[in-house]
Amino acid sequence: SVALLTVYDMCKAIDKNMVLENIRLIEKQKED
């Protein structure tokens, strides 16, 4: 989330229509 927010922050001066989306957990594992 913060990586994407940083992209937004760094580019907002040239693109006011950026959209962050579909942030989700795709994998989780635990192993003894």
PDB file of all heavy atoms in Angstrom:
ATOM      1  N   SER A   1       0.824  -1.213   0.000  1.00  0.00           N
ATOM      2  CA  SER A   1       0.000   0.000   0.000  1.00  0.00           C
ATOM      3  C   SER A   1       0.855   1.259   0.000  1.00  0.00           C
ATOM      4  O   SER A   1       0.618   2.185  -0.781  1.00  0.00           O
ATOM      5  CB  SER A   1      -0.937   0.009   1.216  1.00  0.00           C
ATOM      6  OG  SER A   1      -1.841  -1.063   1.167  1.00  0.00           O
ATOM      7  N   VAL A   2       1.851   1.291   0.859  1.00  0.00           N
ATOM      8  CA  VAL A   2       2.700   2.479   0.946  1.00  0.00           C
ATOM      9  C   VAL A   2       3.595   2.617  -0.289  1.00  0.00           C
ATOM     10  O   VAL A   2       3.849   3.732  -0.757  1.00  0.00           O
ATOM     11  CB  VAL A   2       3.507   2.492   2.259  1.00  0.00           C
ATOM     12  CG1 VAL A   2       4.559   3.594   2.264  1.00  0.00           C
ATOM     13  CG2 VAL A   2       2.552   2.662   3.443  1.00  0.00           C
ATOM     14  N   ALA A   3       4.036   1.506  -0.852  1.00  0.00           N
ATOM     15  CA  ALA A   3       4.802   1.588  -2.104  1.00  0.00           C
ATOM     16  C   ALA A   3       3.953   2.258  -3.189  1.00  0.00           C
ATOM     17  O   ALA A   3       4.425   3.160  -3.894  1.00  0.00           O
ATOM     18  CB  ALA A   3       5.253   0.198  -2.540  1.00  0.00           C
ATOM     19  N   LEU A   4       2.695   1.840  -3.307  1.00  0.00           N
ATOM     20  CA  LEU A   4       1.809   2.436  -4.316  1.00  0.00           C
ATOM     21  C   LEU A   4       1.477   3.892  -3.993  1.00  0.00           C
ATOM     22  O   LEU A   4       1.417   4.734  -4.897  1.00  0.00           O
ATOM     23  CB  LEU A   4       0.530   1.612  -4.445  1.00  0.00           C
ATOM     24  CG  LEU A   4       0.716   0.218  -5.053  1.00  0.00           C
ATOM     25  CD1 LEU A   4      -0.547  -0.602  -4.887  1.00  0.00           C
ATOM     26  CD2 LEU A   4       1.138   0.314  -6.507  1.00  0.00           C
ATOM     27  N   LEU A   5       1.265   4.192  -2.731  1.00  0.00           N
ATOM     28  CA  LEU A   5       1.019   5.585  -2.341  1.00  0.00           C
ATOM     29  C   LEU A   5       2.215   6.471  -2.670  1.00  0.00           C
ATOM     30  O   LEU A   5       2.057   7.640  -3.047  1.00  0.00           O
ATOM     31  CB  LEU A   5       0.706   5.676  -0.843  1.00  0.00           C
ATOM     32  CG  LEU A   5      -0.675   5.200  -0.432  1.00  0.00           C
ATOM     33  CD1 LEU A   5      -0.749   5.047   1.084  1.00  0.00           C
ATOM     34  CD2 LEU A   5      -1.751   6.149  -0.936  1.00  0.00           C
ATOM     35  N   THR A   6       3.407   5.924  -2.561  1.00  0.00           N
ATOM     36  CA  THR A   6       4.614   6.680  -2.897  1.00  0.00           C
ATOM     37  C   THR A   6       4.682   6.967  -4.390  1.00  0.00           C
ATOM     38  O   THR A   6       5.047   8.076  -4.802  1.00  0.00           O
ATOM     39  CB  THR A   6       5.866   5.933  -2.403  1.00  0.00           C
ATOM     40  OG1 THR A   6       5.745   5.762  -0.985  1.00  0.00           O
ATOM     41  CG2 THR A   6       7.138   6.699  -2.727  1.00  0.00           C
ATOM     42  N   VAL A   7       4.323   5.978  -5.200  1.00  0.00           N
ATOM     43  CA  VAL A   7       4.253   6.220  -6.648  1.00  0.00           C
ATOM     44  C   VAL A   7       3.266   7.352  -6.918  1.00  0.00           C
ATOM     45  O   VAL A   7       3.560   8.287  -7.672  1.00  0.00           O
ATOM     46  CB  VAL A   7       3.843   4.937  -7.419  1.00  0.00           C
ATOM     47  CG1 VAL A   7       3.589   5.250  -8.893  1.00  0.00           C
ATOM     48  CG2 VAL A   7       4.912   3.857  -7.261  1.00  0.00           C
ATOM     49  N   TYR A   8       2.106   7.274  -6.285  1.00  0.00           N
ATOM     50  CA  TYR A   8       1.088   8.323  -6.450  1.00  0.00           C
ATOM     51  C   TYR A   8       1.658   9.689  -6.068  1.00  0.00           C
ATOM     52  O   TYR A   8       1.540  10.655  -6.825  1.00  0.00           O
ATOM     53  CB  TYR A   8      -0.134   7.991  -5.578  1.00  0.00           C
ATOM     54  CG  TYR A   8      -1.288   8.930  -5.791  1.00  0.00           C
ATOM     55  CD1 TYR A   8      -2.328   8.582  -6.634  1.00  0.00           C
ATOM     56  CD2 TYR A   8      -1.344  10.166  -5.153  1.00  0.00           C
ATOM     57  CE1 TYR A   8      -3.394   9.442  -6.838  1.00  0.00           C
ATOM     58  CE2 TYR A   8      -2.395  11.031  -5.355  1.00  0.00           C
ATOM     59  CZ  TYR A   8      -3.421  10.666  -6.198  1.00  0.00           C
ATOM     60  OH  TYR A   8      -4.471  11.520  -6.407  1.00  0.00           O
ATOM     61  N   ASP A   9       2.280   9.766  -4.906  1.00  0.00           N
ATOM     62  CA  ASP A   9       2.830  11.042  -4.428  1.00  0.00           C
ATOM     63  C   ASP A   9       3.868  11.614  -5.382  1.00  0.00           C
ATOM     64  O   ASP A   9       3.883  12.815  -5.650  1.00  0.00           O
ATOM     65  CB  ASP A   9       3.444  10.856  -3.040  1.00  0.00           C
ATOM     66  CG  ASP A   9       4.028  12.149  -2.503  1.00  0.00           C
ATOM     67  OD1 ASP A   9       3.274  13.144  -2.391  1.00  0.00           O
ATOM     68  OD2 ASP A   9       5.234  12.173  -2.205  1.00  0.00           O
ATOM     69  N   MET A  10       4.714  10.766  -5.897  1.00  0.00           N
ATOM     70  CA  MET A  10       5.794  11.245  -6.755  1.00  0.00           C
ATOM     71  C   MET A  10       5.312  11.668  -8.138  1.00  0.00           C
ATOM     72  O   MET A  10       5.986  12.424  -8.824  1.00  0.00           O
ATOM     73  CB  MET A  10       6.886  10.188  -6.856  1.00  0.00           C
ATOM     74  CG  MET A  10       7.595   9.981  -5.517  1.00  0.00           C
ATOM     75  SD  MET A  10       8.993   8.887  -5.635  1.00  0.00           S
ATOM     76  CE  MET A  10      10.185   9.954  -6.477  1.00  0.00           C
ATOM     77  N   CYS A  11       4.138  11.173  -8.552  1.00  0.00           N
ATOM     78  CA  CYS A  11       3.644  11.447  -9.908  1.00  0.00           C
ATOM     79  C   CYS A  11       2.411  12.342  -9.952  1.00  0.00           C
ATOM     80  O   CYS A  11       1.939  12.693 -11.032  1.00  0.00           O
ATOM     81  CB  CYS A  11       3.332  10.127 -10.614  1.00  0.00           C
ATOM     82  SG  CYS A  11       4.758   9.047 -10.796  1.00  0.00           S
ATOM     83  N   LYS A  12       1.884  12.721  -8.813  1.00  0.00           N
ATOM     84  CA  LYS A  12       0.612  13.456  -8.787  1.00  0.00           C
ATOM     85  C   LYS A  12       0.674  14.803  -9.497  1.00  0.00           C
ATOM     86  O   LYS A  12      -0.342  15.293  -9.969  1.00  0.00           O
ATOM     87  CB  LYS A  12       0.109  13.616  -7.357  1.00  0.00           C
ATOM     88  CG  LYS A  12       0.961  14.515  -6.496  1.00  0.00           C
ATOM     89  CD  LYS A  12       0.469  14.528  -5.062  1.00  0.00           C
ATOM     90  CE  LYS A  12       1.351  15.464  -4.274  1.00  0.00           C
ATOM     91  NZ  LYS A  12       1.712  14.950  -2.987  1.00  0.00           N
ATOM     92  N   ALA A  13       1.841  15.386  -9.607  1.00  0.00           N
ATOM     93  CA  ALA A  13       1.967  16.676 -10.292  1.00  0.00           C
ATOM     94  C   ALA A  13       1.681  16.549 -11.788  1.00  0.00           C
ATOM     95  O   ALA A  13       1.240  17.523 -12.410  1.00  0.00           O
ATOM     96  CB  ALA A  13       3.361  17.268 -10.072  1.00  0.00           C
ATOM     97  N   ILE A  14       1.912  15.376 -12.364  1.00  0.00           N
ATOM     98  CA  ILE A  14       1.677  15.216 -13.808  1.00  0.00           C
ATOM     99  C   ILE A  14       0.449  14.377 -14.134  1.00  0.00           C
ATOM    100  O   ILE A  14       0.046  14.310 -15.292  1.00  0.00           O
ATOM    101  CB  ILE A  14       2.919  14.644 -14.536  1.00  0.00           C
ATOM    102  CG1 ILE A  14       3.258  13.238 -14.035  1.00  0.00           C
ATOM    103  CG2 ILE A  14       4.109  15.582 -14.403  1.00  0.00           C
ATOM    104  CD1 ILE A  14       4.273  12.520 -14.892  1.00  0.00           C
ATOM    105  N   ASP A  15      -0.131  13.713 -13.111  1.00  0.00           N
ATOM    106  CA  ASP A  15      -1.288  12.849 -13.368  1.00  0.00           C
ATOM    107  C   ASP A  15      -2.234  12.897 -12.175  1.00  0.00           C
ATOM    108  O   ASP A  15      -1.969  12.290 -11.138  1.00  0.00           O
ATOM    109  CB  ASP A  15      -0.814  11.416 -13.628  1.00  0.00           C
ATOM    110  CG  ASP A  15      -1.915  10.508 -14.151  1.00  0.00           C
ATOM    111  OD1 ASP A  15      -3.097  10.859 -14.039  1.00  0.00           O
ATOM    112  OD2 ASP A  15      -1.564   9.417 -14.651  1.00  0.00           O
ATOM    113  N   LYS A  16      -3.310  13.620 -12.337  1.00  0.00           N
ATOM    114  CA  LYS A  16      -4.299  13.774 -11.258  1.00  0.00           C
ATOM    115  C   LYS A  16      -5.329  12.643 -11.246  1.00  0.00           C
ATOM    116  O   LYS A  16      -6.181  12.602 -10.365  1.00  0.00           O
ATOM    117  CB  LYS A  16      -5.045  15.108 -11.402  1.00  0.00           C
ATOM    118  CG  LYS A  16      -4.161  16.318 -11.532  1.00  0.00           C
ATOM    119  CD  LYS A  16      -3.683  16.789 -10.184  1.00  0.00           C
ATOM    120  CE  LYS A  16      -3.011  18.137 -10.305  1.00  0.00           C
ATOM    121  NZ  LYS A  16      -1.644  18.150  -9.901  1.00  0.00           N
ATOM    122  N   ASN A  17      -5.258  11.728 -12.200  1.00  0.00           N
ATOM    123  CA  ASN A  17      -6.281  10.688 -12.335  1.00  0.00           C
ATOM    124  C   ASN A  17      -5.793   9.284 -12.003  1.00  0.00           C
ATOM    125  O   ASN A  17      -6.452   8.309 -12.352  1.00  0.00           O
ATOM    126  CB  ASN A  17      -6.858  10.718 -13.753  1.00  0.00           C
ATOM    127  CG  ASN A  17      -7.573  12.015 -14.027  1.00  0.00           C
ATOM    128  OD1 ASN A  17      -8.397  12.449 -13.227  1.00  0.00           O
ATOM    129  ND2 ASN A  17      -7.234  12.652 -15.134  1.00  0.00           N
ATOM    130  N   MET A  18      -4.662   9.173 -11.332  1.00  0.00           N
ATOM    131  CA  MET A  18      -4.171   7.848 -10.954  1.00  0.00           C
ATOM    132  C   MET A  18      -5.134   7.199  -9.961  1.00  0.00           C
ATOM    133  O   MET A  18      -5.776   7.894  -9.169  1.00  0.00           O
ATOM    134  CB  MET A  18      -2.779   7.947 -10.338  1.00  0.00           C
ATOM    135  CG  MET A  18      -1.701   8.350 -11.316  1.00  0.00           C
ATOM    136  SD  MET A  18      -0.097   8.505 -10.499  1.00  0.00           S
ATOM    137  CE  MET A  18      -0.356   9.986  -9.511  1.00  0.00           C
ATOM    138  N   VAL A  19      -5.207   5.874 -10.012  1.00  0.00           N
ATOM    139  CA  VAL A  19      -6.107   5.134  -9.126  1.00  0.00           C
ATOM    140  C   VAL A  19      -5.357   3.944  -8.547  1.00  0.00           C
ATOM    141  O   VAL A  19      -4.778   3.152  -9.291  1.00  0.00           O
ATOM    142  CB  VAL A  19      -7.352   4.631  -9.897  1.00  0.00           C
ATOM    143  CG1 VAL A  19      -8.238   3.773  -9.001  1.00  0.00           C
ATOM    144  CG2 VAL A  19      -8.129   5.793 -10.481  1.00  0.00           C
ATOM    145  N   LEU A  20      -5.384   3.823  -7.219  1.00  0.00           N
ATOM    146  CA  LEU A  20      -4.871   2.634  -6.555  1.00  0.00           C
ATOM    147  C   LEU A  20      -6.019   1.645  -6.466  1.00  0.00           C
ATOM    148  O   LEU A  20      -7.144   2.032  -6.131  1.00  0.00           O
ATOM    149  CB  LEU A  20      -4.394   2.959  -5.145  1.00  0.00           C
ATOM    150  CG  LEU A  20      -2.993   3.538  -4.992  1.00  0.00           C
ATOM    151  CD1 LEU A  20      -2.881   4.894  -5.615  1.00  0.00           C
ATOM    152  CD2 LEU A  20      -2.601   3.562  -3.547  1.00  0.00           C
ATOM    153  N   GLU A  21      -5.730   0.376  -6.771  1.00  0.00           N
ATOM    154  CA  GLU A  21      -6.808  -0.607  -6.748  1.00  0.00           C
ATOM    155  C   GLU A  21      -6.301  -2.015  -6.509  1.00  0.00           C
ATOM    156  O   GLU A  21      -5.111  -2.285  -6.640  1.00  0.00           O
ATOM    157  CB  GLU A  21      -7.610  -0.559  -8.049  1.00  0.00           C
ATOM    158  CG  GLU A  21      -6.803  -0.802  -9.294  1.00  0.00           C
ATOM    159  CD  GLU A  21      -7.588  -0.519 -10.569  1.00  0.00           C
ATOM    160  OE1 GLU A  21      -8.676   0.066 -10.490  1.00  0.00           O
ATOM    161  OE2 GLU A  21      -7.100  -0.884 -11.628  1.00  0.00           O
ATOM    162  N   ASN A  22      -7.250  -2.854  -6.138  1.00  0.00           N
ATOM    163  CA  ASN A  22      -7.043  -4.287  -6.013  1.00  0.00           C
ATOM    164  C   ASN A  22      -5.872  -4.651  -5.103  1.00  0.00           C
ATOM    165  O   ASN A  22      -5.111  -5.577  -5.388  1.00  0.00           O
ATOM    166  CB  ASN A  22      -6.875  -4.913  -7.402  1.00  0.00           C
ATOM    167  CG  ASN A  22      -7.308  -6.365  -7.410  1.00  0.00           C
ATOM    168  OD1 ASN A  22      -8.031  -6.814  -6.536  1.00  0.00           O
ATOM    169  ND2 ASN A  22      -6.841  -7.103  -8.397  1.00  0.00           N
ATOM    170  N   ILE A  23      -5.730  -3.928  -4.000  1.00  0.00           N
ATOM    171  CA  ILE A  23      -4.714  -4.272  -3.005  1.00  0.00           C
ATOM    172  C   ILE A  23      -5.254  -5.462  -2.224  1.00  0.00           C
ATOM    173  O   ILE A  23      -6.343  -5.402  -1.657  1.00  0.00           O
ATOM    174  CB  ILE A  23      -4.413  -3.082  -2.082  1.00  0.00           C
ATOM    175  CG1 ILE A  23      -3.801  -1.936  -2.909  1.00  0.00           C
ATOM    176  CG2 ILE A  23      -3.492  -3.501  -0.936  1.00  0.00           C
ATOM    177  CD1 ILE A  23      -3.715  -0.625  -2.181  1.00  0.00           C
ATOM    178  N   ARG A  24      -4.483  -6.553  -2.236  1.00  0.00           N
ATOM    179  CA  ARG A  24      -4.999  -7.766  -1.599  1.00  0.00           C
ATOM    180  C   ARG A  24      -3.884  -8.728  -1.247  1.00  0.00           C
ATOM    181  O   ARG A  24      -2.796  -8.695  -1.837  1.00  0.00           O
ATOM    182  CB  ARG A  24      -6.003  -8.465  -2.508  1.00  0.00           C
ATOM    183  CG  ARG A  24      -5.410  -8.931  -3.821  1.00  0.00           C
ATOM    184  CD  ARG A  24      -6.497  -9.352  -4.805  1.00  0.00           C
ATOM    185  NE  ARG A  24      -5.903  -9.815  -6.025  1.00  0.00           N
ATOM    186  CZ  ARG A  24      -5.913 -11.081  -6.430  1.00  0.00           C
ATOM    187  NH1 ARG A  24      -6.512 -11.993  -5.719  1.00  0.00           N
ATOM    188  NH2 ARG A  24      -5.342 -11.429  -7.562  1.00  0.00           N
ATOM    189  N   LEU A  25      -4.191  -9.584  -0.294  1.00  0.00           N
ATOM    190  CA  LEU A  25      -3.295 -10.656   0.088  1.00  0.00           C
ATOM    191  C   LEU A  25      -3.468 -11.790  -0.919  1.00  0.00           C
ATOM    192  O   LEU A  25      -4.592 -12.212  -1.183  1.00  0.00           O
ATOM    193  CB  LEU A  25      -3.637 -11.148   1.497  1.00  0.00           C
ATOM    194  CG  LEU A  25      -2.716 -12.203   2.076  1.00  0.00           C
ATOM    195  CD1 LEU A  25      -1.347 -11.603   2.382  1.00  0.00           C
ATOM    196  CD2 LEU A  25      -3.327 -12.795   3.329  1.00  0.00           C
ATOM    197  N   ILE A  26      -2.380 -12.259  -1.507  1.00  0.00           N
ATOM    198  CA  ILE A  26      -2.500 -13.349  -2.482  1.00  0.00           C
ATOM    199  C   ILE A  26      -1.895 -14.658  -1.990  1.00  0.00           C
ATOM    200  O   ILE A  26      -2.147 -15.710  -2.572  1.00  0.00           O
ATOM    201  CB  ILE A  26      -1.909 -12.976  -3.859  1.00  0.00           C
ATOM    202  CG1 ILE A  26      -0.420 -12.691  -3.769  1.00  0.00           C
ATOM    203  CG2 ILE A  26      -2.665 -11.806  -4.464  1.00  0.00           C
ATOM    204  CD1 ILE A  26       0.271 -12.691  -5.120  1.00  0.00           C
ATOM    205  N   GLU A  27      -1.107 -14.580  -0.918  1.00  0.00           N
ATOM    206  CA  GLU A  27      -0.480 -15.802  -0.424  1.00  0.00           C
ATOM    207  C   GLU A  27      -0.098 -15.624   1.034  1.00  0.00           C
ATOM    208  O   GLU A  27       0.353 -14.560   1.431  1.00  0.00           O
ATOM    209  CB  GLU A  27       0.784 -16.086  -1.249  1.00  0.00           C
ATOM    210  CG  GLU A  27       1.597 -17.268  -0.826  1.00  0.00           C
ATOM    211  CD  GLU A  27       2.883 -17.406  -1.634  1.00  0.00           C
ATOM    212  OE1 GLU A  27       2.926 -16.958  -2.789  1.00  0.00           O
ATOM    213  OE2 GLU A  27       3.844 -17.955  -1.080  1.00  0.00           O
ATOM    214  N   LYS A  28      -0.298 -16.667   1.810  1.00  0.00           N
ATOM    215  CA  LYS A  28       0.255 -16.700   3.166  1.00  0.00           C
ATOM    216  C   LYS A  28       0.600 -18.137   3.481  1.00  0.00           C
ATOM    217  O   LYS A  28      -0.124 -19.068   3.111  1.00  0.00           O
ATOM    218  CB  LYS A  28      -0.676 -16.068   4.183  1.00  0.00           C
ATOM    219  CG  LYS A  28      -1.786 -16.909   4.704  1.00  0.00           C
ATOM    220  CD  LYS A  28      -2.538 -16.150   5.785  1.00  0.00           C
ATOM    221  CE  LYS A  28      -3.368 -17.102   6.608  1.00  0.00           C
ATOM    222  NZ  LYS A  28      -4.015 -16.431   7.714  1.00  0.00           N
ATOM    223  N   GLN A  29       1.742 -18.302   4.124  1.00  0.00           N
ATOM    224  CA  GLN A  29       2.220 -19.639   4.455  1.00  0.00           C
ATOM    225  C   GLN A  29       2.786 -19.638   5.859  1.00  0.00           C
ATOM    226  O   GLN A  29       3.310 -18.632   6.329  1.00  0.00           O
ATOM    227  CB  GLN A  29       3.335 -20.075   3.500  1.00  0.00           C
ATOM    228  CG  GLN A  29       2.923 -20.177   2.060  1.00  0.00           C
ATOM    229  CD  GLN A  29       4.114 -20.518   1.160  1.00  0.00           C
ATOM    230  OE1 GLN A  29       5.263 -20.467   1.567  1.00  0.00           O
ATOM    231  NE2 GLN A  29       3.819 -20.877  -0.075  1.00  0.00           N
ATOM    232  N   LYS A  30       2.663 -20.781   6.496  1.00  0.00           N
ATOM    233  CA  LYS A  30       3.359 -21.001   7.760  1.00  0.00           C
ATOM    234  C   LYS A  30       3.894 -22.420   7.749  1.00  0.00           C
ATOM    235  O   LYS A  30       3.264 -23.337   7.210  1.00  0.00           O
ATOM    236  CB  LYS A  30       2.474 -20.729   8.958  1.00  0.00           C
ATOM    237  CG  LYS A  30       1.245 -21.596   9.072  1.00  0.00           C
ATOM    238  CD  LYS A  30       0.428 -21.164  10.269  1.00  0.00           C
ATOM    239  CE  LYS A  30      -0.880 -21.927  10.336  1.00  0.00           C
ATOM    240  NZ  LYS A  30      -1.664 -21.523  11.487  1.00  0.00           N
ATOM    241  N   GLU A  31       5.073 -22.570   8.285  1.00  0.00           N
ATOM    242  CA  GLU A  31       5.753 -23.872   8.251  1.00  0.00           C
ATOM    243  C   GLU A  31       6.461 -24.089   9.584  1.00  0.00           C
ATOM    244  O   GLU A  31       7.156 -23.185  10.067  1.00  0.00           O
ATOM    245  CB  GLU A  31       6.756 -23.862   7.087  1.00  0.00           C
ATOM    246  CG  GLU A  31       7.491 -25.137   6.870  1.00  0.00           C
ATOM    247  CD  GLU A  31       8.440 -25.010   5.681  1.00  0.00           C
ATOM    248  OE1 GLU A  31       8.077 -24.371   4.690  1.00  0.00           O
ATOM    249  OE2 GLU A  31       9.555 -25.562   5.767  1.00  0.00           O
ATOM    250  N   ASP A  32       6.293 -25.260  10.131  1.00  0.00           N
ATOM    251  CA  ASP A  32       6.962 -25.583  11.389  1.00  0.00           C
ATOM    252  C   ASP A  32       8.475 -25.572  11.194  1.00  0.00           C
ATOM    253  O   ASP A  32       8.984 -25.981  10.135  1.00  0.00           O
ATOM    254  CB  ASP A  32       6.528 -26.956  11.916  1.00  0.00           C
ATOM    255  CG  ASP A  32       5.096 -26.946  12.409  1.00  0.00           C
ATOM    256  OD1 ASP A  32       4.628 -25.876  12.875  1.00  0.00           O
ATOM    257  OD2 ASP A  32       4.440 -27.998  12.349  1.00  0.00           O
TER     258      ASP A  32
END
